[in-house]
């Protein structure tokens, strides 16, 4: 989890009366809300609202939005070109799932419209990679500015609004996780701090900036997504009425260009690029870096078989040294059971190269991924034969 933060006004002790400011009506106190993970056993935050967060005026069912799987077919490598996907929907309903299993869902979002209604994912943590566009993620925790190459980590049950400066520039990779998205345990020392030598640290993480709470007591709409069961809530007041909070559960940002790659004299395996982990999958950042320094080093990945993993790569920018035919916005799936490796000619071409400017995001899942029907429309059927 990210480090402990404190914002705004909180009482000296937990679970004690936080006296309201003079002139504030209601019951004379601010209302405590505990946001916990794994019951009450893991990280949590405590927020203080001007109004009880339980005030609901209306509850309405919404049409379900189930993922439509593609028919099962042959086991093969897959290449999707997504940069030309038509813009549709907003930053929530414009999301197009492409791959999924029981632990995660991977998709793209190129919205055409701004997000007007608040949203909460009741079941899944979200990782949103901002390929392009800038703006602010607004929540009860405050305002979190974001820009290109930012990862946004949004804990489940966070009510939020993604506000882009220019919706025409918004372009995102979206990963939803049933488990908690956190950091690799090997990066954290026994005292809870990032180890010296880890490829990122607390200074690289950006939490929400404090924002003045909404004081208006007007009805506000909220979409809630509970594993494809959608509900529209009408709240009696704006939920961003928090006067203060503290804890370790909150949305935060990390920029991929702040990742510090680990290099060696010869090629290092993909786990050195790991950035996040969750139940059933990991996320890696292939960031610009110096390449191997051994005079005989092969500087592109060796051919390998993913015995227990399905490997998804999202290509962001630069010329990916081991691949031909991919472009910015390409997504490849190299599934379990089939070897993959550098394309012909890339091994020799890499020998004199001293550094790479490529940037890519990798999601390795430990259970097989299934394609959606939407992925079929983007498929390059010739990709499995590009190693000839």
Protein backbone atom coordinates (compact mmCIF):
# COMPACT_ATOMS: atom_id res chain seq x y z
CA UNK A 1 0.00 0.00 0.00
CA UNK A 2 1.10 3.62 -0.35
CA UNK A 3 2.47 5.41 2.73
CA UNK A 4 0.37 6.96 5.47
CA UNK A 5 -1.09 10.37 4.59
CA UNK A 6 -3.09 12.95 6.54
CA UNK A 7 -5.19 15.67 4.94
CA UNK A 8 -7.50 18.30 6.39
CA UNK A 9 -8.99 18.28 9.89
CA UNK A 10 -9.09 15.12 12.02
CA UNK A 11 -9.53 14.59 15.80
CA UNK A 12 -6.64 13.59 18.02
CA UNK A 13 -7.98 10.06 18.59
CA UNK A 14 -9.80 7.64 16.32
CA UNK A 15 -13.48 6.97 16.98
CA UNK A 16 -13.91 10.08 19.12
CA UNK A 17 -16.17 13.07 18.50
CA UNK A 18 -14.83 15.45 15.87
CA UNK A 19 -16.58 18.65 16.87
CA UNK A 20 -18.05 20.55 13.95
CA UNK A 21 -16.96 24.07 13.21
CA UNK A 22 -19.01 26.88 14.78
CA UNK A 23 -22.04 27.68 12.68
CA UNK A 24 -22.19 24.22 11.13
CA UNK A 25 -25.66 22.80 11.63
CA UNK A 26 -26.59 19.11 11.89
CA UNK A 27 -25.66 17.26 15.12
CA UNK A 28 -22.59 19.28 16.02
CA UNK A 29 -20.08 16.64 14.91
CA UNK A 30 -18.48 15.43 11.70
CA UNK A 31 -19.32 11.84 10.75
CA UNK A 32 -16.60 9.20 10.76
CA UNK A 33 -16.27 6.64 7.94
CA UNK A 34 -13.74 3.79 8.07
CA UNK A 35 -12.60 2.53 4.66
CA UNK A 36 -10.91 -0.81 5.33
CA UNK A 37 -9.33 -3.58 3.28
CA UNK A 38 -9.59 -7.34 3.89
CA UNK A 39 -12.20 -6.80 6.56
CA UNK A 40 -10.49 -4.80 9.27
CA UNK A 41 -7.21 -6.72 9.02
CA UNK A 42 -5.19 -4.69 6.52
CA UNK A 43 -4.69 -1.07 5.46
CA UNK A 44 -7.47 1.45 6.10
CA UNK A 45 -8.32 5.14 6.03
CA UNK A 46 -10.69 7.16 8.20
CA UNK A 47 -12.62 10.10 6.75
CA UNK A 48 -14.82 12.71 8.44
CA UNK A 49 -17.94 13.85 6.57
CA UNK A 50 -20.14 16.89 7.06
CA UNK A 51 -23.16 14.64 6.49
CA UNK A 52 -23.54 10.91 7.16
CA UNK A 53 -22.22 9.01 4.10
CA UNK A 54 -25.23 6.69 4.29
CA UNK A 55 -27.89 9.20 3.14
CA UNK A 56 -29.59 7.72 0.07
CA UNK A 57 -32.66 9.23 -1.61
CA UNK A 58 -33.24 6.71 -4.42
CA UNK A 59 -31.89 3.40 -5.74
CA UNK A 60 -32.46 2.32 -9.34
CA UNK A 61 -31.30 -0.70 -11.29
CA UNK A 62 -29.32 -0.14 -14.48
CA UNK A 63 -28.81 -2.46 -17.45
CA UNK A 64 -26.09 -5.04 -16.86
CA UNK A 65 -22.89 -4.67 -18.88
CA UNK A 66 -21.45 -8.20 -18.99
CA UNK A 67 -18.23 -9.01 -20.78
CA UNK A 68 -19.00 -10.90 -23.99
CA UNK A 69 -16.35 -13.61 -24.45
CA UNK A 70 -15.08 -14.56 -27.88
CA UNK A 71 -15.59 -18.19 -28.93
CA UNK A 72 -12.71 -20.37 -27.79
CA UNK A 73 -10.37 -21.20 -30.66
CA UNK A 74 -6.79 -22.27 -31.23
CA UNK A 75 -4.05 -21.43 -28.74
CA UNK A 76 -1.91 -18.82 -30.46
CA UNK A 77 -0.10 -15.50 -30.10
CA UNK A 78 -2.34 -12.47 -30.53
CA UNK A 79 -1.69 -8.91 -31.71
CA UNK A 80 -4.31 -6.16 -31.40
CA UNK A 81 -3.84 -2.68 -32.88
CA UNK A 82 -5.86 -0.38 -30.63
CA UNK A 83 -4.61 3.11 -31.46
CA UNK A 84 -7.28 3.53 -34.12
CA UNK A 85 -10.20 2.43 -31.95
CA UNK A 86 -13.14 4.76 -32.37
CA UNK A 87 -13.82 7.10 -29.47
CA UNK A 88 -17.01 6.30 -27.60
CA UNK A 89 -18.70 6.88 -24.27
CA UNK A 90 -17.09 8.61 -21.33
CA UNK A 91 -14.12 7.55 -19.12
CA UNK A 92 -16.39 4.93 -17.50
CA UNK A 93 -18.80 3.66 -20.15
CA UNK A 94 -16.23 4.06 -22.90
CA UNK A 95 -14.14 1.19 -21.52
CA UNK A 96 -13.75 -1.74 -23.91
CA UNK A 97 -12.67 -5.01 -22.22
CA UNK A 98 -10.28 -7.05 -24.38
CA UNK A 99 -8.99 -9.83 -22.07
CA UNK A 100 -10.26 -11.23 -18.79
CA UNK A 101 -10.11 -14.03 -16.25
CA UNK A 102 -11.38 -14.49 -12.68
CA UNK A 103 -8.76 -12.12 -11.21
CA UNK A 104 -8.51 -9.28 -13.70
CA UNK A 105 -9.92 -7.51 -16.70
CA UNK A 106 -7.75 -5.66 -19.23
CA UNK A 107 -9.14 -3.13 -21.67
CA UNK A 108 -8.81 0.19 -23.43
CA UNK A 109 -10.68 3.45 -23.12
CA UNK A 110 -10.70 6.25 -25.70
CA UNK A 111 -13.62 8.39 -24.50
CA UNK A 112 -15.57 10.85 -26.60
CA UNK A 113 -17.44 12.51 -23.75
CA UNK A 114 -16.46 13.85 -20.31
CA UNK A 115 -17.51 11.98 -17.18
CA UNK A 116 -20.45 13.89 -15.73
CA UNK A 117 -21.66 11.39 -13.09
CA UNK A 118 -19.71 10.09 -10.09
CA UNK A 119 -18.58 6.46 -10.26
CA UNK A 120 -17.64 3.73 -7.78
CA UNK A 121 -16.26 0.27 -8.51
CA UNK A 122 -17.62 -1.78 -5.62
CA UNK A 123 -15.76 -4.98 -6.47
CA UNK A 124 -12.40 -4.21 -8.09
CA UNK A 125 -9.28 -2.12 -7.60
CA UNK A 126 -8.44 -0.19 -10.76
CA UNK A 127 -5.14 0.57 -12.46
CA UNK A 128 -5.52 3.22 -15.15
CA UNK A 129 -2.49 3.95 -17.31
CA UNK A 130 -2.76 7.40 -18.90
CA UNK A 131 -1.27 7.01 -22.39
CA UNK A 132 -2.22 10.57 -23.29
CA UNK A 133 -4.23 13.41 -21.82
CA UNK A 134 -4.07 15.27 -18.53
CA UNK A 135 -6.50 16.32 -15.85
CA UNK A 136 -7.55 15.55 -12.27
CA UNK A 137 -8.99 12.55 -10.49
CA UNK A 138 -11.51 13.96 -8.01
CA UNK A 139 -12.58 12.01 -4.95
CA UNK A 140 -13.48 12.55 -1.30
CA UNK A 141 -9.72 12.35 -0.61
CA UNK A 142 -9.06 15.47 -2.69
CA UNK A 143 -7.72 16.29 -6.13
CA UNK A 144 -5.09 14.12 -7.82
CA UNK A 145 -3.58 15.76 -10.93
CA UNK A 146 -2.42 13.34 -13.63
CA UNK A 147 -0.71 13.46 -16.99
CA UNK A 148 0.79 11.23 -19.70
CA UNK A 149 2.58 8.06 -18.54
CA UNK A 150 0.91 8.15 -15.11
CA UNK A 151 -0.42 5.04 -13.45
CA UNK A 152 -3.50 5.83 -11.36
CA UNK A 153 -4.25 3.26 -8.65
CA UNK A 154 -7.83 3.55 -7.40
CA UNK A 155 -8.90 1.31 -4.48
CA UNK A 156 -12.25 -0.44 -4.75
CA UNK A 157 -15.25 1.51 -3.32
CA UNK A 158 -13.58 4.86 -4.11
CA UNK A 159 -16.16 7.28 -5.47
CA UNK A 160 -14.45 9.36 -8.13
CA UNK A 161 -14.66 11.47 -11.26
CA UNK A 162 -11.98 11.55 -13.98
CA UNK A 163 -11.86 15.09 -15.34
CA UNK A 164 -9.69 15.55 -18.45
CA UNK A 165 -8.45 18.95 -19.59
CA UNK A 166 -9.30 17.93 -23.17
CA UNK A 167 -11.38 14.79 -23.62
CA UNK A 168 -10.17 14.49 -27.23
CA UNK A 169 -6.68 13.68 -25.89
CA UNK A 170 -7.78 11.07 -23.34
CA UNK A 171 -6.35 7.61 -24.04
CA UNK A 172 -6.11 4.91 -21.35
CA UNK A 173 -5.22 1.32 -20.61
CA UNK A 174 -7.53 0.05 -17.85
CA UNK A 175 -6.86 -2.95 -15.60
CA UNK A 176 -9.42 -4.05 -12.99
CA UNK A 177 -8.38 -6.43 -10.20
CA UNK A 178 -10.49 -8.47 -7.81
CA UNK A 179 -7.59 -8.34 -5.33
CA UNK A 180 -5.71 -5.39 -3.88
CA UNK A 181 -3.20 -3.73 -6.20
CA UNK A 182 -0.01 -3.12 -4.23
CA UNK A 183 3.77 -3.28 -4.49
CA UNK A 184 6.03 -6.36 -4.65
CA UNK A 185 6.85 -7.56 -1.14
CA UNK A 186 10.54 -7.86 -2.02
CA UNK A 187 10.70 -4.07 -2.49
CA UNK A 188 9.57 -3.39 1.09
CA UNK A 189 11.79 -3.72 4.17
CA UNK A 190 10.47 -5.17 7.48
CA UNK A 191 9.73 -1.64 8.69
CA UNK A 192 7.34 -0.98 5.81
CA UNK A 193 9.62 1.33 3.81
CA UNK A 194 10.79 0.83 0.23
CA UNK A 195 14.19 -0.80 0.31
CA UNK A 196 17.23 1.05 -0.94
CA UNK A 197 17.80 -0.36 -4.41
CA UNK A 198 14.10 -0.82 -5.21
CA UNK A 199 13.20 0.68 -8.61
CA UNK A 200 10.73 3.12 -7.02
CA UNK A 201 10.24 4.76 -3.63
CA UNK A 202 7.81 6.86 -1.59
CA UNK A 203 9.04 10.09 -3.19
CA UNK A 204 7.79 8.83 -6.57
CA UNK A 205 4.20 8.36 -5.34
CA UNK A 206 1.72 11.23 -5.51
CA UNK A 207 -1.31 11.23 -3.26
CA UNK A 208 -4.35 13.52 -3.46
CA UNK A 209 -4.00 17.21 -2.79
CA UNK A 210 -6.34 18.67 -0.21
CA UNK A 211 -9.53 20.20 -1.66
CA UNK A 212 -12.19 22.22 0.11
CA UNK A 213 -15.17 19.97 0.89
CA UNK A 214 -18.48 20.26 -0.93
CA UNK A 215 -20.91 21.86 1.50
CA UNK A 216 -24.00 21.76 -0.72
CA UNK A 217 -26.87 19.54 0.38
CA UNK A 218 -28.30 18.66 -3.01
CA UNK A 219 -29.13 15.35 -4.63
CA UNK A 220 -26.16 13.80 -6.46
CA UNK A 221 -26.17 10.81 -8.84
CA UNK A 222 -23.69 7.96 -8.43
CA UNK A 223 -23.09 4.93 -10.65
CA UNK A 224 -22.01 1.79 -8.77
CA UNK A 225 -20.50 -1.17 -10.61
CA UNK A 226 -20.63 -4.45 -8.70
CA UNK A 227 -19.05 -7.01 -11.02
CA UNK A 228 -21.22 -6.02 -14.01
CA UNK A 229 -24.34 -5.46 -11.89
CA UNK A 230 -24.93 -1.72 -12.20
CA UNK A 231 -26.97 0.44 -9.83
CA UNK A 232 -27.76 4.14 -9.87
CA UNK A 233 -27.82 5.76 -6.42
CA UNK A 234 -29.16 9.22 -5.73
CA UNK A 235 -27.42 10.61 -2.66
CA UNK A 236 -28.86 13.32 -0.43
CA UNK A 237 -25.65 15.35 -0.60
CA UNK A 238 -22.35 15.43 -2.45
CA UNK A 239 -20.07 12.65 -1.09
CA UNK A 240 -16.97 14.86 -1.42
CA UNK A 241 -18.01 16.63 1.80
CA UNK A 242 -14.98 15.35 3.74
CA UNK A 243 -13.32 17.83 6.11
CA UNK A 244 -10.32 15.57 6.75
CA UNK A 245 -8.96 12.05 6.51
CA UNK A 246 -5.90 9.95 7.24
CA UNK A 247 -4.68 6.46 6.48
CA UNK A 248 -3.19 4.26 3.76
CA UNK A 249 -6.18 3.58 1.48
CA UNK A 250 -6.53 6.31 -1.14
CA UNK A 251 -5.99 6.82 -4.88
CA UNK A 252 -2.44 7.67 -5.90
CA UNK A 253 -0.33 8.24 -9.01
CA UNK A 254 3.05 6.95 -10.14
CA UNK A 255 4.65 8.03 -13.40
CA UNK A 256 6.22 5.30 -15.53
CA UNK A 257 9.14 7.59 -16.39
CA UNK A 258 10.04 7.66 -12.67
CA UNK A 259 10.70 3.90 -12.70
CA UNK A 260 14.41 3.17 -12.15
CA UNK A 261 15.33 0.13 -14.26
CA UNK A 262 17.75 -2.46 -12.90
CA UNK A 263 20.38 -3.48 -15.46
CA UNK A 264 23.27 -5.95 -15.62
CA UNK A 265 26.13 -7.09 -17.80
CA UNK A 266 23.75 -9.55 -19.48
CA UNK A 267 19.99 -9.57 -20.07
CA UNK A 268 17.93 -9.52 -16.89
CA UNK A 269 14.61 -11.42 -16.58
CA UNK A 270 11.24 -9.61 -16.62
CA UNK A 271 10.66 -9.62 -12.82
CA UNK A 272 13.22 -6.80 -12.47
CA UNK A 273 10.66 -4.58 -14.22
CA UNK A 274 7.84 -5.44 -11.81
CA UNK A 275 6.00 -2.37 -10.54
CA UNK A 276 2.73 -3.62 -9.00
CA UNK A 277 1.20 -6.89 -7.97
CA UNK A 278 -2.26 -8.21 -7.16
CA UNK A 279 -3.86 -11.60 -6.63
CA UNK A 280 -3.29 -13.56 -9.83
CA UNK A 281 -1.15 -11.10 -11.81
CA UNK A 282 1.73 -8.62 -11.82
CA UNK A 283 2.32 -5.37 -13.70
CA UNK A 284 5.76 -4.47 -15.08
CA UNK A 285 7.14 -1.27 -16.58
CA UNK A 286 9.61 -1.59 -19.46
CA UNK A 287 11.12 1.87 -19.13
CA UNK A 288 13.99 3.57 -20.99
CA UNK A 289 17.26 2.10 -19.74
CA UNK A 290 20.87 1.27 -20.49
CA UNK A 291 21.32 -2.11 -22.07
CA UNK A 292 23.66 -4.94 -21.11
CA UNK A 293 27.36 -4.13 -21.03
CA UNK A 294 28.97 -7.55 -21.58
CA UNK A 295 30.81 -7.48 -24.95
CA UNK A 296 29.02 -10.66 -26.06
CA UNK A 297 25.62 -9.76 -24.57
CA UNK A 298 22.44 -10.49 -26.49
CA UNK A 299 20.43 -7.37 -25.67
CA UNK A 300 16.93 -8.52 -26.51
CA UNK A 301 14.97 -11.14 -24.53
CA UNK A 302 15.83 -14.76 -25.14
CA UNK A 303 13.07 -17.01 -26.43
CA UNK A 304 11.03 -18.28 -23.52
CA UNK A 305 7.95 -20.35 -22.80
CA UNK A 306 5.44 -18.94 -20.32
CA UNK A 307 4.79 -22.15 -18.44
CA UNK A 308 2.42 -20.64 -15.87
CA UNK A 309 1.68 -17.18 -17.26
CA UNK A 310 -0.15 -15.36 -20.00
CA UNK A 311 1.85 -12.28 -20.98
CA UNK A 312 0.15 -9.10 -22.17
CA UNK A 313 2.30 -6.24 -23.48
CA UNK A 314 0.92 -2.76 -24.14
CA UNK A 315 3.31 -0.78 -26.34
CA UNK A 316 3.39 2.90 -25.41
CA UNK A 317 6.24 4.59 -27.28
CA UNK A 318 9.62 4.02 -28.91
CA UNK A 319 10.89 1.17 -31.04
CA UNK A 320 10.54 -2.09 -29.14
CA UNK A 321 13.85 -3.84 -29.78
CA UNK A 322 12.63 -7.43 -29.99
CA UNK A 323 9.48 -6.81 -32.06
CA UNK A 324 8.62 -5.92 -35.64
CA UNK A 325 5.22 -4.72 -36.78
CA UNK A 326 4.01 -3.38 -33.45
CA UNK A 327 3.16 0.27 -32.94
CA UNK A 328 2.10 2.65 -30.20
CA UNK A 329 -1.19 1.30 -28.88
CA UNK A 330 -0.46 -2.29 -29.93
CA UNK A 331 -1.33 -5.06 -27.47
CA UNK A 332 0.20 -8.53 -27.74
CA UNK A 333 -0.83 -11.63 -25.85
CA UNK A 334 1.79 -14.38 -25.62
CA UNK A 335 -0.05 -17.19 -23.84
CA UNK A 336 1.09 -20.12 -21.76
CA UNK A 337 2.40 -23.18 -23.53
CA UNK A 338 3.98 -21.55 -26.59
CA UNK A 339 7.51 -20.12 -26.78
CA UNK A 340 7.98 -16.59 -27.99
CA UNK A 341 11.03 -14.41 -28.37
CA UNK A 342 12.78 -11.85 -30.54
CA UNK A 343 11.71 -11.47 -34.13
CA UNK A 344 14.24 -12.46 -36.82
CA UNK A 345 16.96 -9.86 -37.31
CA UNK A 346 16.44 -8.15 -33.98
CA UNK A 347 19.13 -10.15 -32.16
CA UNK A 348 21.94 -9.03 -34.46
CA UNK A 349 20.53 -5.50 -34.71
CA UNK A 350 20.62 -5.16 -30.91
CA UNK A 351 24.30 -6.01 -30.47
CA UNK A 352 25.75 -2.47 -30.93
CA UNK A 353 22.86 -0.69 -29.18
CA UNK A 354 23.76 0.81 -25.78
CA UNK A 355 20.36 1.97 -24.52
CA UNK A 356 16.67 1.81 -25.33
CA UNK A 357 14.00 4.52 -25.24
CA UNK A 358 11.06 2.13 -25.42
CA UNK A 359 8.20 2.24 -22.93
CA UNK A 360 5.73 -0.59 -22.47
CA UNK A 361 3.41 -1.93 -19.78
CA UNK A 362 3.29 -5.68 -19.19
CA UNK A 363 0.59 -7.63 -17.35
CA UNK A 364 1.52 -11.22 -16.53
CA UNK A 365 -1.39 -13.33 -15.31
CA UNK A 366 -1.02 -16.68 -13.55
CA UNK A 367 -4.25 -18.09 -14.96
CA UNK A 368 -5.22 -18.13 -18.65
CA UNK A 369 -6.78 -15.04 -20.18
CA UNK A 370 -9.85 -15.16 -22.39
CA UNK A 371 -10.47 -12.81 -25.28
CA UNK A 372 -13.62 -10.74 -25.57
CA UNK A 373 -15.72 -10.39 -28.68
CA UNK A 374 -14.47 -6.79 -29.00
CA UNK A 375 -10.89 -8.07 -29.26
CA UNK A 376 -11.74 -10.07 -32.38
CA UNK A 377 -12.36 -6.86 -34.32
CA UNK A 378 -8.77 -5.70 -33.66
CA UNK A 379 -7.00 -8.99 -34.29
CA UNK A 380 -4.03 -9.41 -36.64
CA UNK A 381 -4.38 -13.09 -37.67
CA UNK A 382 -0.92 -13.15 -39.28
CA UNK A 383 0.94 -12.29 -36.07
CA UNK A 384 1.71 -15.93 -35.06
CA UNK A 385 3.66 -16.36 -38.31
CA UNK A 386 5.86 -13.25 -38.01
CA UNK A 387 8.79 -15.27 -36.62
CA UNK A 388 9.32 -16.96 -40.02
